[in-house]
Protein backbone atom coordinates (compact mmCIF):
# COMPACT_ATOMS: atom_id res chain seq x y z
CA UNK A 1 11.90 23.79 -1.87
CA UNK A 2 12.31 23.95 2.02
CA UNK A 3 14.51 26.54 3.43
CA UNK A 4 17.25 25.72 6.05
CA UNK A 5 15.21 27.22 8.70
CA UNK A 6 12.21 25.13 7.77
CA UNK A 7 14.31 22.02 7.64
CA UNK A 8 15.80 22.61 11.19
CA UNK A 9 12.31 23.46 12.62
CA UNK A 10 10.65 20.32 11.22
CA UNK A 11 13.60 18.21 12.13
CA UNK A 12 13.42 19.41 15.74
CA UNK A 13 9.64 18.79 15.85
CA UNK A 14 10.09 15.19 14.67
CA UNK A 15 13.07 14.29 16.64
CA UNK A 16 11.40 15.61 19.75
CA UNK A 17 8.61 12.96 19.59
CA UNK A 18 9.00 10.46 22.24
CA UNK A 19 8.49 6.75 21.83
CA UNK A 20 4.91 5.61 21.01
CA UNK A 21 4.14 4.07 24.41
CA UNK A 22 5.42 7.07 26.40
CA UNK A 23 3.46 9.52 24.30
CA UNK A 24 0.20 7.49 24.17
CA UNK A 25 0.13 6.90 27.94
CA UNK A 26 -0.99 3.93 29.90
CA UNK A 27 -4.62 3.94 28.87
CA UNK A 28 -3.90 3.41 25.12
CA UNK A 29 -0.90 1.11 25.26
CA UNK A 30 -2.99 -1.89 24.22
CA UNK A 31 -5.33 0.01 21.98
CA UNK A 32 -5.64 -1.10 18.32
CA UNK A 33 -5.86 1.84 15.83
CA UNK A 34 -6.34 1.88 12.01
CA UNK A 35 -5.59 4.53 9.47
CA UNK A 36 -7.36 5.10 6.15
CA UNK A 37 -8.25 7.88 3.83
CA UNK A 38 -11.94 8.50 2.72
CA UNK A 39 -13.95 10.90 0.52
CA UNK A 40 -17.32 12.47 0.89
CA UNK A 41 -17.47 13.44 -2.82
CA UNK A 42 -15.09 14.49 -5.63
CA UNK A 43 -14.00 17.56 -3.80
CA UNK A 44 -13.85 16.62 -0.14
CA UNK A 45 -11.03 14.22 0.90
CA UNK A 46 -9.84 13.31 4.43
CA UNK A 47 -7.40 11.08 6.38
CA UNK A 48 -8.65 9.49 9.59
CA UNK A 49 -7.66 7.24 12.57
CA UNK A 50 -10.14 5.00 14.21
CA UNK A 51 -10.08 2.38 16.95
CA UNK A 52 -11.08 -1.30 16.87
CA UNK A 53 -14.65 -0.35 17.84
CA UNK A 54 -14.91 1.99 14.89
CA UNK A 55 -14.69 5.24 16.86
CA UNK A 56 -13.06 7.99 14.84
CA UNK A 57 -10.14 9.47 16.75
CA UNK A 58 -9.47 12.32 14.42
CA UNK A 59 -9.77 13.29 10.78
CA UNK A 60 -7.96 15.90 8.71
CA UNK A 61 -8.82 17.43 5.46
CA UNK A 62 -6.58 16.70 2.40
CA UNK A 63 -6.07 18.78 -0.74
CA UNK A 64 -6.52 15.80 -3.09
CA UNK A 65 -7.64 12.24 -2.73
CA UNK A 66 -5.13 10.03 -0.90
CA UNK A 67 -4.19 6.34 -1.44
CA UNK A 68 -2.25 4.57 1.25
CA UNK A 69 -1.13 5.15 4.90
CA UNK A 70 2.45 4.62 6.07
CA UNK A 71 3.15 3.79 9.78
CA UNK A 72 6.48 4.85 11.38
CA UNK A 73 8.12 1.90 13.08
CA UNK A 74 9.14 3.43 16.42
CA UNK A 75 7.58 6.95 16.77
CA UNK A 76 3.92 7.94 17.02
CA UNK A 77 3.88 9.18 13.40
CA UNK A 78 1.53 8.14 10.55
CA UNK A 79 1.79 9.42 6.94
CA UNK A 80 -0.58 9.34 4.02
CA UNK A 81 0.44 9.45 0.26
CA UNK A 82 -1.62 11.25 -2.40
CA UNK A 83 -3.28 9.10 -5.00
CA UNK A 84 -1.42 8.71 -8.37
CA UNK A 85 -0.32 11.13 -9.70
CA UNK A 86 0.45 12.14 -6.23
CA UNK A 87 2.13 15.42 -5.34
CA UNK A 88 2.15 15.27 -1.50
CA UNK A 89 2.88 13.16 1.39
CA UNK A 90 1.56 14.43 4.84
CA UNK A 91 3.03 13.24 8.14
CA UNK A 92 0.81 13.44 11.28
CA UNK A 93 1.10 12.93 15.06
CA UNK A 94 -0.96 9.89 15.78
CA UNK A 95 -2.33 10.99 19.17
CA UNK A 96 -3.61 14.51 18.00
CA UNK A 97 -3.76 14.49 14.25
CA UNK A 98 -1.35 17.49 14.13
CA UNK A 99 0.33 17.72 10.73
CA UNK A 100 4.10 17.61 11.16
CA UNK A 101 5.30 17.94 7.60
CA UNK A 102 4.29 17.89 3.94
CA UNK A 103 6.74 16.32 1.48
CA UNK A 104 6.49 17.07 -2.18
CA UNK A 105 8.20 15.19 -5.06
CA UNK A 106 11.18 16.40 -6.95
CA UNK A 107 10.62 18.38 -10.16
CA UNK A 108 9.13 16.39 -12.99
CA UNK A 109 8.19 13.46 -10.64
CA UNK A 110 5.10 12.28 -8.86
CA UNK A 111 4.27 9.67 -6.23
CA UNK A 112 2.42 6.46 -6.86
CA UNK A 113 0.27 6.45 -3.65
CA UNK A 114 2.59 4.29 -1.58
CA UNK A 115 5.72 4.52 0.47
CA UNK A 116 7.32 3.11 3.61
CA UNK A 117 9.74 3.93 6.29
CA UNK A 118 13.09 2.24 6.86
CA UNK A 119 13.20 -0.06 9.93
CA UNK A 120 15.28 2.46 11.98
CA UNK A 121 12.53 5.17 11.26
CA UNK A 122 15.10 7.56 9.92
CA UNK A 123 14.26 7.54 6.28
CA UNK A 124 11.21 7.44 4.02
CA UNK A 125 11.17 5.48 0.83
CA UNK A 126 8.97 6.39 -2.14
CA UNK A 127 8.27 5.08 -5.53
CA UNK A 128 8.05 7.85 -8.21
CA UNK A 129 7.44 8.43 -11.89
CA UNK A 130 9.87 10.70 -13.69
CA UNK A 131 7.25 11.49 -16.22
CA UNK A 132 9.37 13.24 -18.96
CA UNK A 133 11.15 9.86 -19.46
CA UNK A 134 8.51 7.55 -18.11
CA UNK A 135 11.12 5.75 -15.96
CA UNK A 136 10.50 4.54 -12.49
CA UNK A 137 12.61 5.99 -9.58
CA UNK A 138 13.13 5.22 -5.91
CA UNK A 139 13.84 8.05 -3.57
CA UNK A 140 15.09 7.88 0.01
CA UNK A 141 14.41 10.95 2.18
CA UNK A 142 15.30 12.01 5.65
CA UNK A 143 12.22 11.84 7.85
CA UNK A 144 13.47 14.66 10.04
CA UNK A 145 13.84 17.13 7.19
CA UNK A 146 12.38 15.85 4.01
CA UNK A 147 15.74 16.09 2.23
CA UNK A 148 16.53 13.62 -0.45
CA UNK A 149 19.41 11.42 0.68
CA UNK A 150 19.70 9.08 -2.40
CA UNK A 151 17.88 8.01 -5.43
CA UNK A 152 18.18 5.07 -7.82
CA UNK A 153 16.13 3.39 -10.68
CA UNK A 154 13.27 1.10 -9.92
CA UNK A 155 14.45 -0.99 -12.95
CA UNK A 156 10.99 -0.67 -14.53
CA UNK A 157 8.15 1.60 -15.35
CA UNK A 158 5.38 2.50 -12.88
CA UNK A 159 6.73 1.38 -9.58
CA UNK A 160 3.55 1.31 -7.52
CA UNK A 161 4.14 -0.35 -4.13
CA UNK A 162 7.25 -1.78 -2.38
CA UNK A 163 8.19 -3.62 0.66
CA UNK A 164 11.30 -4.55 2.53
CA UNK A 165 12.89 -8.02 2.76
CA UNK A 166 15.30 -8.72 5.56
CA UNK A 167 15.49 -4.89 6.13
CA UNK A 168 18.01 -4.45 3.35
CA UNK A 169 16.35 -5.54 0.14
CA UNK A 170 13.65 -3.38 -1.41
CA UNK A 171 11.06 -5.34 -3.29
CA UNK A 172 9.31 -3.13 -5.89
CA UNK A 173 6.12 -3.83 -7.92
CA UNK A 174 6.84 -2.12 -11.24
CA UNK A 175 3.35 -1.96 -12.76
CA UNK A 176 4.69 -1.46 -16.31
CA UNK A 177 2.23 1.36 -17.16
CA UNK A 178 3.64 4.48 -18.60
CA UNK A 179 1.51 7.46 -17.78
CA UNK A 180 1.79 11.30 -17.61
CA UNK A 181 0.10 13.45 -15.03
CA UNK A 182 -1.53 15.61 -17.72
CA UNK A 183 -3.89 12.61 -18.39
CA UNK A 184 -2.86 10.05 -15.84
CA UNK A 185 -5.49 7.43 -16.75
CA UNK A 186 -4.26 7.11 -20.26
CA UNK A 187 -1.78 4.31 -20.77
CA UNK A 188 0.99 5.35 -23.15
CA UNK A 189 2.55 1.95 -23.77
CA UNK A 190 -0.32 -0.51 -23.66
CA UNK A 191 1.06 -2.66 -26.57
CA UNK A 192 4.64 -2.80 -25.13
CA UNK A 193 4.05 -2.77 -21.34
CA UNK A 194 5.95 -5.23 -19.26
CA UNK A 195 5.53 -5.34 -15.48
CA UNK A 196 8.38 -6.61 -13.12
CA UNK A 197 9.05 -7.58 -9.55
CA UNK A 198 12.52 -6.23 -8.70
CA UNK A 199 14.66 -6.94 -5.69
CA UNK A 200 16.95 -4.00 -5.10
CA UNK A 201 19.79 -3.38 -2.57
CA UNK A 202 18.73 -0.63 -0.24
CA UNK A 203 22.26 0.35 0.47
CA UNK A 204 23.66 0.60 -3.18
CA UNK A 205 20.61 0.69 -5.32
CA UNK A 206 21.88 -2.27 -7.33
CA UNK A 207 19.57 -4.72 -8.89
CA UNK A 208 19.64 -8.22 -7.24
CA UNK A 209 16.90 -10.06 -8.99
CA UNK A 210 14.15 -9.23 -11.52
CA UNK A 211 11.10 -11.31 -12.39
CA UNK A 212 9.03 -10.62 -15.44
CA UNK A 213 5.92 -12.19 -16.92
CA UNK A 214 5.71 -14.41 -19.96
CA UNK A 215 5.11 -12.54 -23.26
CA UNK A 216 1.58 -13.63 -23.50
CA UNK A 217 0.85 -12.05 -20.04
CA UNK A 218 2.67 -8.78 -20.68
CA UNK A 219 -0.58 -6.82 -20.10
CA UNK A 220 -0.71 -7.98 -16.46
CA UNK A 221 0.27 -5.04 -14.29
CA UNK A 222 1.83 -5.85 -10.90
CA UNK A 223 0.35 -3.36 -8.46
CA UNK A 224 0.19 -4.32 -4.81
CA UNK A 225 2.24 -6.73 -2.57
CA UNK A 226 2.80 -7.96 0.94
CA UNK A 227 5.45 -10.14 2.59
CA UNK A 228 5.30 -12.65 5.40
CA UNK A 229 7.79 -13.74 8.07
CA UNK A 230 9.12 -16.46 5.67
CA UNK A 231 10.04 -13.89 3.15
CA UNK A 232 7.39 -14.86 0.67
CA UNK A 233 6.11 -11.96 -1.33
CA UNK A 234 2.50 -12.10 -2.53
CA UNK A 235 1.49 -9.96 -5.47
CA UNK A 236 -1.87 -8.83 -6.97
CA UNK A 237 -2.35 -8.02 -10.69
CA UNK A 238 -4.51 -5.78 -12.63
CA UNK A 239 -4.99 -6.83 -16.29
CA UNK A 240 -5.09 -4.37 -19.11
CA UNK A 241 -5.95 -6.78 -21.96
CA UNK A 242 -9.24 -8.05 -23.42
CA UNK A 243 -12.00 -8.46 -20.85
CA UNK A 244 -12.87 -11.93 -21.96
CA UNK A 245 -9.33 -13.31 -21.25
CA UNK A 246 -8.81 -15.71 -18.32
CA UNK A 247 -5.48 -14.73 -16.82
CA UNK A 248 -3.90 -15.45 -13.34
CA UNK A 249 -4.33 -12.57 -10.82
CA UNK A 250 -2.34 -13.45 -7.84
CA UNK A 251 1.15 -14.92 -7.45
CA UNK A 252 4.04 -15.42 -5.01
CA UNK A 253 7.78 -15.21 -5.26
CA UNK A 254 10.96 -14.87 -3.03
CA UNK A 255 14.44 -13.52 -3.44
CA UNK A 256 15.75 -16.63 -5.16
CA UNK A 257 12.75 -17.20 -7.43
CA UNK A 258 13.28 -17.54 -11.21
CA UNK A 259 9.62 -16.87 -12.02
CA UNK A 260 6.40 -15.77 -10.41
CA UNK A 261 4.23 -18.65 -9.03
CA UNK A 262 0.56 -18.20 -9.77
CA UNK A 263 -1.88 -19.24 -7.08
CA UNK A 264 -4.82 -21.50 -7.74
CA UNK A 265 -8.21 -20.11 -7.69
CA UNK A 266 -11.61 -21.45 -8.97
CA UNK A 267 -12.37 -20.06 -12.43
CA UNK A 268 -15.78 -18.75 -11.44
CA UNK A 269 -14.17 -16.79 -8.70
CA UNK A 270 -11.31 -15.62 -10.94
CA UNK A 271 -13.70 -14.24 -13.43
CA UNK A 272 -15.72 -12.52 -10.79
CA UNK A 273 -12.53 -10.58 -9.85
CA UNK A 274 -13.01 -8.74 -13.23
CA UNK A 275 -9.16 -8.61 -13.74
CA UNK A 276 -8.55 -6.39 -10.76
CA UNK A 277 -6.89 -6.98 -7.40
CA UNK A 278 -7.15 -3.97 -5.10
CA UNK A 279 -5.19 -4.69 -1.88
CA UNK A 280 -2.92 -7.70 -0.75
CA UNK A 281 -2.30 -8.62 2.81
CA UNK A 282 -1.17 -11.45 5.04
CA UNK A 283 -2.77 -12.01 8.41
CA UNK A 284 -0.81 -11.47 11.67
CA UNK A 285 0.55 -14.97 11.59
CA UNK A 286 1.51 -15.01 7.88
CA UNK A 287 -0.45 -18.21 7.41
CA UNK A 288 -3.37 -16.80 5.58
CA UNK A 289 -3.36 -14.49 2.53
CA UNK A 290 -6.22 -12.21 1.42
CA UNK A 291 -6.72 -10.03 -1.66
CA UNK A 292 -9.66 -7.66 -2.39
CA UNK A 293 -11.44 -6.70 -5.61
CA UNK A 294 -13.66 -3.66 -5.60
CA UNK A 295 -14.77 -4.45 -9.12
CA UNK A 296 -15.62 -7.96 -8.20
CA UNK A 297 -17.09 -7.16 -4.69
CA UNK A 298 -14.88 -9.92 -3.31
CA UNK A 299 -12.33 -10.79 -0.73
CA UNK A 300 -10.44 -14.12 -1.64
CA UNK A 301 -8.33 -16.16 0.74
CA UNK A 302 -5.52 -18.65 0.62
CA UNK A 303 -3.68 -20.67 3.25
CA UNK A 304 0.10 -20.44 2.88
CA UNK A 305 1.03 -23.95 4.11
CA UNK A 306 0.53 -25.33 0.57
CA UNK A 307 -1.08 -22.27 -1.09
CA UNK A 308 -4.49 -23.72 -1.42
CA UNK A 309 -7.56 -21.58 -2.08
CA UNK A 310 -9.66 -21.33 1.09
CA UNK A 311 -12.81 -19.35 0.53
CA UNK A 312 -14.20 -15.95 -0.41
CA UNK A 313 -16.47 -13.31 1.05
CA UNK A 314 -18.77 -11.03 -0.79
CA UNK A 315 -18.77 -7.21 0.08
CA UNK A 316 -19.80 -4.49 -2.28
CA UNK A 317 -16.99 -2.14 -3.49
CA UNK A 318 -14.48 -3.76 -1.01
CA UNK A 319 -10.84 -2.64 -1.30
CA UNK A 320 -9.13 -1.59 1.98
CA UNK A 321 -7.54 -4.58 3.71
CA UNK A 322 -5.36 -4.90 6.76
CA UNK A 323 -4.43 -7.78 9.10
CA UNK A 324 -5.65 -7.25 12.75
CA UNK A 325 -4.12 -8.14 16.04
CA UNK A 326 -5.60 -11.67 15.80
CA UNK A 327 -4.39 -14.63 13.76
CA UNK A 328 -6.40 -15.35 10.53
CA UNK A 329 -8.42 -12.10 11.03
CA UNK A 330 -8.56 -9.16 8.67
CA UNK A 331 -10.25 -5.66 8.64
CA UNK A 332 -11.72 -4.64 5.34
CA UNK A 333 -13.27 -1.36 4.21
CA UNK A 334 -15.54 -0.49 1.40
CA UNK A 335 -16.63 2.38 -0.80
CA UNK A 336 -20.00 2.15 0.87
CA UNK A 337 -18.74 3.34 4.19
CA UNK A 338 -18.50 -0.16 5.79
CA UNK A 339 -15.68 -1.69 8.08
CA UNK A 340 -15.81 -5.41 8.73
CA UNK A 341 -13.51 -7.70 10.69
CA UNK A 342 -13.47 -11.06 8.84
CA UNK A 343 -12.00 -14.47 9.63
CA UNK A 344 -11.90 -16.99 6.65
CA UNK A 345 -11.14 -19.85 9.03
CA UNK A 346 -14.04 -19.41 11.38
CA UNK A 347 -16.16 -17.41 8.91
CA UNK A 348 -16.78 -14.84 11.65
CA UNK A 349 -17.86 -11.35 10.55
CA UNK A 350 -18.14 -8.32 12.69
CA UNK A 351 -19.40 -5.06 11.14
CA UNK A 352 -18.46 -1.79 12.82
CA UNK A 353 -20.57 1.29 12.77
CA UNK A 354 -21.21 2.34 9.20
CA UNK A 355 -20.13 5.77 8.02
CA UNK A 356 -22.94 6.11 5.36
CA UNK A 357 -21.56 8.98 3.35
CA UNK A 358 -17.96 7.99 3.61
CA UNK A 359 -16.13 6.27 0.74
CA UNK A 360 -13.15 4.59 2.29
CA UNK A 361 -10.16 4.68 -0.11
CA UNK A 362 -8.19 1.78 -1.48
CA UNK A 363 -5.87 1.04 1.49
CA UNK A 364 -5.94 0.58 5.22
CA UNK A 365 -3.30 -0.03 7.82
CA UNK A 366 -3.03 -1.28 11.39
CA UNK A 367 -1.18 1.28 13.47
CA UNK A 368 -0.67 -0.30 16.83
CA UNK A 369 -1.64 -2.91 19.35
């Protein structure tokens, strides 16, 4: 637990940060930066920031493997969340890599590798597992002090990732998988699992809408999601059933949906995904959707005008995915140390300098333009 002195000291350090543009200076106002974790081996894990040319700005060692970056909306702060079962979130100054704070979960809880800041930047939202009961929880903490301000249920099991709709509705991907940190890869409820996409009031914690899968698809786990400017949530699945089953792996929904709408994908491409979607992201315009599959070595794209399948790209062990500052363009990272800008409309590909021994982790985030 943090002492009052620690809370006040950390709060002063965070509140003293100026706006991004003032701190960064004129030379970097228009610079594009990306954040991602990486590993060198099973014992060496890091968090890094690099620019659009691939130059590493800084890197910091981590105690355990990390999963996803979180970008503050109005201060030069970036955070990274430990991989499930996660027991830390580290906050850093973007310009220097100085660590500002480490947040740990409450007793008998662990993080799921993701989180997000509220639009005003004052609070941090995390999805957590209360592992004695197996129930999902949502926590809201003060960014300045790390104190828990409120908590409420995720209305499901295994809340992996969430996003905000209209700044006041939290959309949560409850993966449905009950696990315990003593053996986190063991699924305790495989025969009864039920994933859900829940829409929750950020102000009250009340459930607004809940979408579940048909009984025959109850072993589809909703893991990752993104939202475009029209309020359409795209979700990617990971299937826990028999390997020969053909099941849908990508869907969309909105606040008023009564069911998830599965996206079309050629059967040969769907089978190549090997039942696994790694990251989900819209491009900057929101008109193109991409998902990655490290098991299938694929990036697959759809256009959002009528949700038609566009094309795919082949990259070995690809998972990290972020929109860039350009329409229809994404940056992808791989477990083989590669970083590639891709455009499914023009089919352009630009590979940045390869970090040969680096295994980029599952997620990637654009920090600033």
